N, C-alpha and C. Protein backbone atom coordinates (compact mmCIF):
# COMPACT_ATOMS: atom_id res chain seq x y z
N MET A 1 123.61 53.17 124.76
CA MET A 1 122.45 53.94 124.96
C MET A 1 123.05 55.64 124.81
N LYS A 2 124.16 55.73 124.12
CA LYS A 2 124.59 57.16 123.58
C LYS A 2 124.17 57.21 122.47
N SER A 3 123.74 56.22 121.35
CA SER A 3 123.59 56.36 120.31
C SER A 3 121.85 56.63 120.07
N LEU A 4 121.49 56.33 120.99
CA LEU A 4 119.85 56.35 121.59
C LEU A 4 119.74 57.86 121.66
N GLY A 5 120.42 58.62 122.74
CA GLY A 5 120.60 59.60 122.96
C GLY A 5 120.60 61.02 121.88
N PHE A 6 121.65 60.04 120.75
CA PHE A 6 121.76 60.94 119.63
C PHE A 6 121.18 61.09 118.81
N GLN A 7 120.16 60.06 118.38
CA GLN A 7 119.26 59.90 117.88
C GLN A 7 118.01 60.92 117.80
N ILE A 8 117.47 60.66 119.18
CA ILE A 8 116.78 61.43 120.02
C ILE A 8 117.01 62.94 119.69
N ILE A 9 118.15 63.42 120.13
CA ILE A 9 118.35 64.65 119.65
C ILE A 9 118.31 64.89 117.91
N ALA A 10 118.93 64.22 117.55
CA ALA A 10 118.88 64.40 116.11
C ALA A 10 117.43 64.50 115.26
N ILE A 11 116.36 63.68 115.63
CA ILE A 11 114.78 63.45 115.83
C ILE A 11 114.21 65.17 116.47
N VAL A 12 114.55 65.38 117.28
CA VAL A 12 114.11 66.76 118.08
C VAL A 12 114.59 68.03 116.90
N LEU A 13 116.08 67.94 116.42
CA LEU A 13 116.35 69.10 116.12
C LEU A 13 115.51 68.94 114.31
N TYR A 14 115.42 67.88 113.73
CA TYR A 14 114.92 67.52 112.75
C TYR A 14 113.25 68.40 112.46
N VAL A 15 112.87 68.24 113.66
CA VAL A 15 110.98 68.49 113.72
C VAL A 15 111.48 69.92 114.04
N PHE A 16 112.29 70.07 114.68
CA PHE A 16 112.15 72.19 115.04
C PHE A 16 112.62 72.24 113.71
N VAL A 17 113.54 71.94 113.01
CA VAL A 17 114.18 72.82 111.52
C VAL A 17 112.91 72.62 111.00
N SER A 18 111.95 71.70 110.68
CA SER A 18 111.05 71.41 109.40
C SER A 18 110.04 72.13 109.78
N CYS A 19 109.87 72.18 111.20
CA CYS A 19 108.08 72.97 111.73
C CYS A 19 108.60 74.40 111.50
N LYS A 20 109.76 74.69 111.40
CA LYS A 20 110.22 76.63 111.29
C LYS A 20 109.65 76.88 110.62
N GLU A 21 108.77 78.20 110.67
CA GLU A 21 108.04 78.82 109.73
C GLU A 21 109.07 79.83 108.41
N ASN A 22 108.64 80.31 107.18
CA ASN A 22 109.52 80.14 106.34
C ASN A 22 109.95 81.35 106.61
N ASP A 23 111.41 81.52 106.68
CA ASP A 23 112.16 82.79 107.19
C ASP A 23 111.77 84.22 105.78
N GLU A 24 111.03 83.92 104.68
CA GLU A 24 111.08 84.62 103.99
C GLU A 24 109.92 85.66 104.31
N PRO A 25 109.97 87.49 104.23
CA PRO A 25 109.09 88.08 104.77
C PRO A 25 107.63 87.91 104.00
N ASN A 26 107.06 88.43 104.49
CA ASN A 26 105.35 88.29 103.90
C ASN A 26 104.93 89.89 103.15
N TYR A 27 106.42 90.42 102.65
CA TYR A 27 106.00 91.83 102.21
C TYR A 27 106.46 92.14 101.27
N LYS A 28 106.83 93.09 100.47
CA LYS A 28 107.80 93.65 99.56
C LYS A 28 107.79 95.06 99.48
N TRP A 29 108.55 95.88 98.83
CA TRP A 29 108.78 97.06 99.04
C TRP A 29 108.85 97.70 97.31
N ILE A 30 108.45 98.62 97.15
CA ILE A 30 107.83 99.18 95.76
C ILE A 30 108.18 100.32 96.03
N THR A 31 108.85 100.59 94.72
CA THR A 31 109.69 101.96 94.39
C THR A 31 108.74 102.72 93.56
N LYS A 32 108.65 104.18 93.73
CA LYS A 32 108.04 105.05 92.72
C LYS A 32 108.47 106.64 93.01
N GLU A 33 108.27 107.04 91.94
CA GLU A 33 108.70 108.15 91.99
C GLU A 33 107.58 109.56 92.17
N VAL A 34 107.43 110.37 92.80
CA VAL A 34 106.54 111.30 93.50
C VAL A 34 107.11 112.71 93.54
N LYS A 35 105.64 113.41 93.46
CA LYS A 35 106.08 115.13 94.06
C LYS A 35 106.15 115.00 95.75
N ALA A 36 107.01 115.92 96.32
CA ALA A 36 107.10 115.73 97.65
C ALA A 36 106.65 117.18 97.84
N THR A 37 106.12 117.42 98.94
CA THR A 37 106.01 118.99 99.56
C THR A 37 106.01 118.37 100.97
N ALA A 38 105.97 119.78 101.69
CA ALA A 38 105.62 119.40 103.22
C ALA A 38 104.47 120.44 103.98
N TYR A 39 104.10 119.84 104.80
CA TYR A 39 103.03 120.34 105.75
C TYR A 39 103.08 120.57 107.09
N ASN A 40 102.30 121.49 107.56
CA ASN A 40 102.57 121.78 109.20
C ASN A 40 101.16 121.43 109.35
N SER A 41 100.62 121.30 111.04
CA SER A 41 99.56 121.30 112.31
C SER A 41 99.24 122.85 112.10
N THR A 42 98.51 123.65 111.35
CA THR A 42 97.96 125.01 111.38
C THR A 42 96.85 124.73 110.37
N VAL A 43 96.10 125.48 111.09
CA VAL A 43 94.63 125.99 110.39
C VAL A 43 94.57 126.65 109.15
N THR A 44 95.42 127.17 108.66
CA THR A 44 95.85 127.95 107.38
C THR A 44 96.25 126.77 106.43
N GLN A 45 96.89 125.79 107.08
CA GLN A 45 97.08 124.76 106.09
C GLN A 45 96.51 123.31 105.87
N THR A 46 95.77 122.94 107.06
CA THR A 46 94.84 122.32 107.12
C THR A 46 93.11 121.92 107.24
N ASN A 47 92.56 122.53 108.25
CA ASN A 47 91.17 122.40 108.81
C ASN A 47 91.07 123.21 110.49
N SER A 48 90.10 123.30 110.76
CA SER A 48 90.05 124.20 111.82
C SER A 48 90.43 123.07 113.08
N ASN A 49 90.94 121.63 112.98
CA ASN A 49 91.11 120.44 113.63
C ASN A 49 92.78 120.55 113.51
N PRO A 50 93.82 121.21 113.34
CA PRO A 50 95.04 120.66 112.14
C PRO A 50 95.90 119.75 112.62
N HIS A 51 95.40 119.23 113.90
CA HIS A 51 96.40 117.59 114.99
C HIS A 51 95.74 116.28 114.38
N ILE A 52 94.52 116.59 113.95
CA ILE A 52 93.68 115.47 113.67
C ILE A 52 93.40 115.08 112.18
N THR A 53 94.01 114.10 111.55
CA THR A 53 94.49 113.52 110.21
C THR A 53 92.54 113.11 109.18
N ALA A 54 92.95 112.68 108.36
CA ALA A 54 92.02 112.57 107.70
C ALA A 54 91.67 110.88 107.97
N PHE A 55 92.43 110.45 108.40
CA PHE A 55 91.82 108.92 108.78
C PHE A 55 91.66 108.78 110.52
N GLY A 56 91.95 110.22 110.99
CA GLY A 56 90.84 110.16 112.39
C GLY A 56 92.51 110.30 113.17
N ASP A 57 93.34 109.93 112.98
CA ASP A 57 95.15 109.96 113.76
C ASP A 57 95.32 111.48 114.35
N SER A 58 95.87 111.23 115.68
CA SER A 58 96.20 112.57 116.17
C SER A 58 97.99 112.46 115.49
N LEU A 59 98.21 114.01 114.70
CA LEU A 59 99.37 114.18 114.83
C LEU A 59 100.39 114.87 115.92
N ILE A 60 101.58 114.15 115.49
CA ILE A 60 102.33 114.19 117.32
C ILE A 60 103.45 114.83 116.27
N PRO A 61 104.10 116.24 116.81
CA PRO A 61 105.30 116.99 116.36
C PRO A 61 106.44 116.21 116.51
N GLY A 62 107.15 115.58 115.49
CA GLY A 62 108.37 115.03 116.01
C GLY A 62 108.42 113.74 115.26
N LYS A 63 107.18 113.23 114.91
CA LYS A 63 107.02 111.86 114.35
C LYS A 63 107.40 111.83 112.90
N LYS A 64 107.41 110.93 112.23
CA LYS A 64 107.46 111.06 111.12
C LYS A 64 105.95 110.49 110.23
N TYR A 65 105.41 111.45 109.47
CA TYR A 65 104.25 110.83 109.02
C TYR A 65 104.39 111.53 107.68
N ILE A 66 103.64 110.81 106.69
CA ILE A 66 103.30 111.55 105.63
C ILE A 66 101.99 112.04 105.35
N ALA A 67 101.26 112.42 104.79
CA ALA A 67 100.27 112.63 103.51
C ALA A 67 100.18 112.06 102.35
N VAL A 68 98.89 111.23 102.04
CA VAL A 68 99.52 110.66 100.48
C VAL A 68 98.65 111.28 99.76
N SER A 69 98.82 111.39 98.67
CA SER A 69 97.37 112.12 97.28
C SER A 69 97.04 110.53 97.21
N ARG A 70 94.93 110.46 96.98
CA ARG A 70 94.30 109.65 96.79
C ARG A 70 94.34 108.33 95.67
N ASP A 71 95.21 108.89 94.62
CA ASP A 71 95.85 108.18 93.82
C ASP A 71 96.45 106.88 94.19
N LEU A 72 97.51 107.46 95.29
CA LEU A 72 98.64 106.72 95.31
C LEU A 72 98.28 105.95 96.17
N GLU A 73 96.96 105.83 96.93
CA GLU A 73 96.37 105.00 98.30
C GLU A 73 95.89 104.21 97.95
N ARG A 74 95.32 103.97 96.19
CA ARG A 74 94.71 102.93 95.47
C ARG A 74 95.96 102.15 94.72
N LEU A 75 96.80 102.74 95.37
CA LEU A 75 98.17 101.73 94.75
C LEU A 75 99.42 101.15 95.94
N GLY A 76 98.41 101.34 97.13
CA GLY A 76 98.95 100.49 98.18
C GLY A 76 99.36 101.34 99.37
N LEU A 77 99.54 102.46 99.13
CA LEU A 77 99.86 103.55 100.09
C LEU A 77 99.05 103.86 100.98
N SER A 78 98.69 103.14 101.68
CA SER A 78 96.98 103.16 102.65
C SER A 78 97.44 103.83 104.00
N HIS A 79 96.51 103.56 104.89
CA HIS A 79 96.88 104.11 106.19
C HIS A 79 98.05 103.35 106.94
N ASN A 80 99.21 103.81 107.77
CA ASN A 80 100.05 103.11 108.58
C ASN A 80 100.85 102.36 107.24
N THR A 81 100.91 102.71 106.09
CA THR A 81 102.24 102.09 105.43
C THR A 81 103.29 102.58 105.49
N LEU A 82 104.38 101.86 105.74
CA LEU A 82 105.74 102.02 106.31
C LEU A 82 105.92 102.98 104.74
N VAL A 83 106.63 103.83 104.06
CA VAL A 83 107.49 104.63 103.55
C VAL A 83 108.87 105.06 103.76
N LYS A 84 109.68 105.19 102.95
CA LYS A 84 111.24 105.50 102.91
C LYS A 84 111.41 106.20 101.58
N ILE A 85 111.92 107.67 102.39
CA ILE A 85 111.81 108.63 101.40
C ILE A 85 113.44 109.51 101.01
N GLU A 86 113.38 109.17 99.62
CA GLU A 86 114.54 109.66 99.16
C GLU A 86 115.35 111.16 100.04
N GLY A 87 116.50 111.22 100.21
CA GLY A 87 117.18 112.10 101.30
C GLY A 87 116.55 112.44 102.33
N LEU A 88 115.86 111.74 103.03
CA LEU A 88 115.30 111.76 104.44
C LEU A 88 115.50 110.33 105.20
N GLU A 89 116.08 111.05 106.41
CA GLU A 89 116.48 109.26 106.89
C GLU A 89 115.44 108.84 107.49
N GLY A 90 115.23 107.37 107.86
CA GLY A 90 114.22 106.88 108.86
C GLY A 90 112.77 106.48 108.16
N THR A 91 112.25 105.59 108.30
CA THR A 91 111.04 105.30 107.81
C THR A 91 110.00 106.42 108.48
N TYR A 92 108.88 106.41 107.53
CA TYR A 92 107.70 107.53 107.73
C TYR A 92 106.06 106.75 107.53
N LEU A 93 105.30 107.08 108.11
CA LEU A 93 104.03 106.05 108.19
C LEU A 93 103.09 107.38 107.64
N VAL A 94 102.29 106.51 106.70
CA VAL A 94 100.88 107.04 105.92
C VAL A 94 99.91 107.50 107.29
N LYS A 95 99.79 108.87 107.87
CA LYS A 95 98.80 109.48 108.43
C LYS A 95 97.76 110.06 107.60
N ASP A 96 98.40 110.64 107.00
CA ASP A 96 97.08 111.81 106.47
C ASP A 96 96.88 111.53 104.91
N ARG A 97 95.78 112.00 104.48
CA ARG A 97 95.32 112.08 102.98
C ARG A 97 95.33 113.29 102.32
N MET A 98 95.69 113.43 101.37
CA MET A 98 95.81 115.14 100.56
C MET A 98 94.16 115.18 100.12
N HIS A 99 93.81 116.70 99.56
CA HIS A 99 93.06 116.65 98.84
C HIS A 99 92.58 116.37 97.39
N ALA A 100 91.49 115.73 96.98
CA ALA A 100 91.19 115.33 96.06
C ALA A 100 92.11 115.58 94.50
N ARG A 101 92.64 117.16 94.78
CA ARG A 101 92.77 117.38 93.38
C ARG A 101 94.52 116.93 93.13
N LYS A 102 95.05 116.48 94.09
CA LYS A 102 96.36 116.44 94.28
C LYS A 102 96.62 115.01 93.72
N ARG A 103 97.67 114.48 92.69
CA ARG A 103 97.91 113.64 91.95
C ARG A 103 99.15 113.01 92.13
N ASN A 104 99.94 111.81 92.21
CA ASN A 104 100.85 111.72 92.69
C ASN A 104 102.11 112.05 93.47
N GLN A 105 101.12 112.27 94.49
CA GLN A 105 102.04 113.59 95.53
C GLN A 105 102.22 112.92 96.81
N ILE A 106 102.84 113.47 97.58
CA ILE A 106 103.13 112.82 98.96
C ILE A 106 103.16 114.37 99.81
N ASP A 107 103.43 114.21 101.19
CA ASP A 107 103.01 115.70 101.87
C ASP A 107 104.13 115.29 103.11
N VAL A 108 105.24 115.58 103.44
CA VAL A 108 105.88 115.34 104.59
C VAL A 108 105.50 116.23 105.62
N TYR A 109 105.39 115.52 106.62
CA TYR A 109 104.68 116.04 108.24
C TYR A 109 105.81 116.75 109.05
N MET A 110 105.92 118.35 109.12
CA MET A 110 107.12 118.77 109.69
C MET A 110 106.12 119.75 111.15
N GLY A 111 105.58 119.03 111.94
CA GLY A 111 104.94 119.46 112.65
C GLY A 111 104.54 121.20 112.78
N THR A 112 104.95 121.49 113.39
CA THR A 112 104.41 123.00 113.78
C THR A 112 105.87 124.28 113.22
N ASP A 113 106.85 123.55 112.80
CA ASP A 113 108.28 124.17 112.11
C ASP A 113 108.05 124.42 110.75
N ILE A 114 107.29 125.76 110.67
CA ILE A 114 107.10 126.06 109.05
C ILE A 114 108.47 126.58 108.29
N LYS A 115 109.34 127.15 108.81
CA LYS A 115 110.47 127.67 108.34
C LYS A 115 110.61 126.31 107.90
N ALA A 116 110.74 124.77 108.43
CA ALA A 116 111.49 123.61 107.52
C ALA A 116 110.64 123.16 106.60
N ALA A 117 109.53 123.23 106.70
CA ALA A 117 108.90 122.91 105.76
C ALA A 117 109.01 123.82 104.15
N LEU A 118 109.13 125.12 104.68
CA LEU A 118 109.63 126.01 103.29
C LEU A 118 110.98 125.70 103.27
N GLN A 119 111.60 125.36 103.88
CA GLN A 119 113.03 125.32 103.49
C GLN A 119 112.63 123.62 102.58
N PHE A 120 111.92 123.07 102.78
CA PHE A 120 111.86 121.69 102.18
C PHE A 120 111.35 121.79 100.89
N GLY A 121 110.49 122.70 100.72
CA GLY A 121 110.07 123.10 99.56
C GLY A 121 109.35 122.37 98.57
N ARG A 122 109.36 122.25 97.59
CA ARG A 122 108.62 121.19 96.36
C ARG A 122 109.83 120.20 95.42
N LYS A 123 109.96 118.98 95.62
CA LYS A 123 110.87 118.20 94.93
C LYS A 123 110.44 117.20 94.01
N HIS A 124 110.70 116.51 93.33
CA HIS A 124 110.79 115.04 92.91
C HIS A 124 111.54 114.06 93.84
N VAL A 125 111.12 113.28 94.31
CA VAL A 125 111.94 112.10 94.95
C VAL A 125 111.46 110.99 94.81
N THR A 126 112.14 110.00 94.67
CA THR A 126 111.96 108.49 94.66
C THR A 126 111.76 107.94 96.22
N ILE A 127 110.40 107.31 96.44
CA ILE A 127 110.00 106.87 97.53
C ILE A 127 110.02 105.22 97.59
N GLN A 128 110.09 104.27 98.56
CA GLN A 128 109.67 102.93 98.72
C GLN A 128 109.06 102.88 99.91
N TYR A 129 107.76 101.87 99.19
CA TYR A 129 106.66 101.77 100.06
C TYR A 129 106.54 100.63 100.50
N ARG A 130 106.46 99.63 101.34
CA ARG A 130 106.15 98.64 101.64
C ARG A 130 104.56 98.14 101.40
N VAL A 131 104.46 96.59 100.91
CA VAL A 131 102.87 96.32 100.84
C VAL A 131 102.73 94.97 101.26
N GLU A 132 102.27 94.26 102.07
CA GLU A 132 102.07 92.75 102.21
C GLU A 132 101.90 91.92 100.72
N ILE A 133 102.48 90.94 101.01
CA ILE A 133 102.03 89.76 99.74
C ILE A 133 101.51 89.14 100.32
N PRO A 134 100.11 88.81 99.32
CA PRO A 134 99.24 87.74 100.14
C PRO A 134 99.87 86.42 100.11
N ASP A 135 99.30 85.97 101.26
CA ASP A 135 99.33 84.57 101.70
C ASP A 135 98.84 83.77 100.11
N SER A 136 99.80 82.95 99.44
CA SER A 136 99.55 82.21 98.45
C SER A 136 98.36 80.98 98.82
N THR A 137 98.46 80.55 100.10
CA THR A 137 97.32 79.44 100.14
C THR A 137 95.88 80.20 100.40
N LYS A 138 96.03 81.51 100.49
CA LYS A 138 94.78 82.10 101.27
C LYS A 138 93.99 82.45 99.72
N THR A 139 94.96 82.97 98.56
CA THR A 139 94.67 83.27 97.72
C THR A 139 94.22 82.47 96.96
N GLU A 140 94.61 80.96 96.79
CA GLU A 140 93.85 79.85 96.20
C GLU A 140 92.68 79.69 97.23
N GLU A 141 92.59 80.17 97.99
CA GLU A 141 91.30 79.66 98.45
C GLU A 141 90.22 80.59 98.00
N ILE A 142 90.86 81.62 97.85
CA ILE A 142 89.59 82.92 97.55
C ILE A 142 89.18 82.42 95.94
N LYS A 143 90.47 81.99 95.49
CA LYS A 143 89.88 81.89 93.64
C LYS A 143 89.15 80.45 93.70
N ASN A 144 89.00 79.67 95.03
CA ASN A 144 88.11 78.34 94.67
C ASN A 144 86.71 78.78 95.24
N LEU A 145 86.86 79.50 95.74
CA LEU A 145 85.36 79.97 96.18
C LEU A 145 84.63 80.69 95.44
N SER A 146 85.42 81.51 94.79
CA SER A 146 84.56 82.14 93.56
C SER A 146 84.50 81.50 92.17
N ASN A 147 84.63 80.13 92.35
CA ASN A 147 84.38 79.27 91.18
C ASN A 147 82.98 78.93 91.40
């Protein structure tokens, strides 16, 4: 009887372990060097509604947000992408987009603290941003549908 109980436990453990999802993340971090500036929620720096982003989000002073140039959006720095910025603590969210003339640039949101934004200045930094890795099964299915 003891061995039957042990066999049942072993089978249950085997099924549990073999059904466990892949522990590898379905995303990767990409590193890129960019120009960085800072901005505030003021009419002179944005538009007549300085707390609303180009994506329609409401900016909340104290939160870690950035705006990105449109060329970076095409590289995967899209709305709500997580970003780590060299020299700054924490993880930032892409919540805004910059004017079309800007290239390879991020703008760090400093709420209404104009002094902090001026002190941040203009610099080159290394960022890391998170992009999802497509599920290979779905990718294969899409390839098969297009043939």
